[in-house]
């Protein structure tokens, strides 16, 4: 199962590499009477921006249908630092560029979806 990409347990086409990994802190910050900023880090979360190139129409539809059927939160399995990783997430804005038909099959030139940890 190494280097597979799954959404809610459904294996989808392997994304275009590289995957873009981000890690960010969620914090609560406030200014005190002296004007100094104080705060706490509440959690550290991950975001993975995934891009597919030249997706067939049915491959793109499988990705969309799987996300829609499992909203608001679903599991994503992906190749990450140290091996296969899993996270519970939601998706950000889905960006897709429609391509042309080749032998009667519609292709999407580029599809990008950010997956953001819950």
Protein backbone atom coordinates (compact mmCIF):
# COMPACT_ATOMS: atom_id res chain seq x y z
CA UNK A 1 0.00 0.00 0.00
CA UNK A 2 3.05 2.30 -0.06
CA UNK A 3 2.74 5.60 -1.91
CA UNK A 4 -0.99 5.24 -2.54
CA UNK A 5 -3.44 8.08 -2.26
CA UNK A 6 -6.83 7.29 -0.74
CA UNK A 7 -9.79 9.47 0.09
CA UNK A 8 -12.21 7.95 2.63
CA UNK A 9 -10.66 4.55 1.91
CA UNK A 10 -11.13 4.85 -1.86
CA UNK A 11 -7.94 4.51 -3.91
CA UNK A 12 -7.74 7.30 -6.47
CA UNK A 13 -5.25 7.98 -9.23
CA UNK A 14 -1.76 8.72 -7.95
CA UNK A 15 -1.29 12.50 -7.76
CA UNK A 16 1.32 14.45 -9.66
CA UNK A 17 4.47 14.84 -7.61
CA UNK A 18 5.65 16.70 -5.70
CA UNK A 19 2.89 17.02 -3.10
CA UNK A 20 3.03 20.33 -1.22
CA UNK A 21 3.11 19.85 2.57
CA UNK A 22 2.43 22.66 4.99
CA UNK A 23 2.32 22.71 8.75
CA UNK A 24 0.85 25.63 10.66
CA UNK A 25 0.06 26.63 14.22
CA UNK A 26 -3.35 27.65 15.43
CA UNK A 27 -2.86 30.17 18.17
CA UNK A 28 -4.74 32.49 20.44
CA UNK A 29 -3.05 35.87 20.75
CA UNK A 30 -3.89 39.06 22.58
CA UNK A 31 -2.24 42.34 23.50
CA UNK A 32 -1.92 43.20 27.16
CA UNK A 33 -2.16 46.73 28.64
CA UNK A 34 1.54 47.38 27.96
CA UNK A 35 1.01 46.61 24.27
CA UNK A 36 3.02 43.38 24.42
CA UNK A 37 1.65 40.46 22.40
CA UNK A 38 1.01 37.29 24.39
CA UNK A 39 -0.49 34.02 23.29
CA UNK A 40 -0.62 30.27 23.24
CA UNK A 41 -0.26 27.70 20.52
CA UNK A 42 -3.48 25.69 20.64
CA UNK A 43 -2.62 23.09 17.99
CA UNK A 44 -0.36 22.36 15.05
CA UNK A 45 -2.16 21.24 11.89
CA UNK A 46 -1.18 19.94 8.45
CA UNK A 47 -2.27 20.89 4.97
CA UNK A 48 -1.46 19.00 1.80
CA UNK A 49 -2.00 20.58 -1.60
CA UNK A 50 -2.51 17.76 -4.08
CA UNK A 51 -2.42 18.16 -7.86
CA UNK A 52 -3.42 15.68 -10.53
CA UNK A 53 -2.49 16.22 -14.17
CA UNK A 54 -4.39 14.82 -17.14
CA UNK A 55 -7.18 13.20 -15.13
CA UNK A 56 -9.76 11.33 -17.15
CA UNK A 57 -13.30 12.57 -16.56
CA UNK A 58 -14.28 9.41 -14.64
CA UNK A 59 -11.16 9.66 -12.42
CA UNK A 60 -12.04 13.26 -11.52
CA UNK A 61 -15.68 12.30 -10.93
CA UNK A 62 -14.58 9.52 -8.53
CA UNK A 63 -12.56 12.04 -6.49
CA UNK A 64 -15.44 14.55 -6.39
CA UNK A 65 -18.08 11.92 -5.58
CA UNK A 66 -15.96 10.45 -2.78
CA UNK A 67 -15.36 13.86 -1.18
CA UNK A 68 -19.05 14.84 -1.50
CA UNK A 69 -20.27 11.55 -0.01
CA UNK A 70 -18.02 11.86 3.05
CA UNK A 71 -18.27 15.56 3.97
CA UNK A 72 -17.65 17.36 6.18
CA UNK A 73 -14.61 15.35 7.40
CA UNK A 74 -12.97 12.32 5.87
CA UNK A 75 -9.73 10.37 6.05
CA UNK A 76 -6.93 10.89 3.54
CA UNK A 77 -4.00 8.48 3.21
CA UNK A 78 -0.93 9.81 1.43
CA UNK A 79 2.82 9.26 1.09
CA UNK A 80 4.50 11.56 3.58
CA UNK A 81 7.63 12.00 5.67
CA UNK A 82 8.59 8.61 7.07
CA UNK A 83 6.13 6.62 4.93
CA UNK A 84 2.40 6.35 4.45
CA UNK A 85 0.46 8.95 6.54
CA UNK A 86 -3.19 9.34 7.50
CA UNK A 87 -5.15 12.41 8.53
CA UNK A 88 -8.76 13.38 9.12
CA UNK A 89 -9.42 16.47 7.03
CA UNK A 90 -11.72 18.61 4.97
CA UNK A 91 -11.07 19.99 1.52
CA UNK A 92 -10.39 23.56 0.52
CA UNK A 93 -11.39 25.11 -2.81
CA UNK A 94 -11.17 22.66 -5.69
CA UNK A 95 -9.49 24.10 -8.78
CA UNK A 96 -9.79 22.30 -12.12
CA UNK A 97 -8.77 23.20 -15.66
CA UNK A 98 -10.78 21.39 -18.32
CA UNK A 99 -8.77 20.02 -21.17
CA UNK A 100 -9.82 18.54 -24.45
CA UNK A 101 -11.31 15.24 -25.54
CA UNK A 102 -8.94 12.59 -26.78
CA UNK A 103 -10.53 9.60 -28.49
CA UNK A 104 -13.89 10.60 -27.00
CA UNK A 105 -12.57 10.83 -23.42
CA UNK A 106 -12.66 14.21 -21.60
CA UNK A 107 -9.40 15.04 -19.78
CA UNK A 108 -8.86 17.59 -17.01
CA UNK A 109 -5.45 19.17 -17.53
CA UNK A 110 -4.89 20.05 -13.90
CA UNK A 111 -6.91 19.48 -10.72
CA UNK A 112 -5.71 20.86 -7.37
CA UNK A 113 -7.30 20.18 -3.99
CA UNK A 114 -5.99 21.31 -0.61
CA UNK A 115 -6.66 18.84 2.20
CA UNK A 116 -6.63 20.55 5.61
CA UNK A 117 -6.39 18.67 8.91
CA UNK A 118 -9.47 18.85 11.12
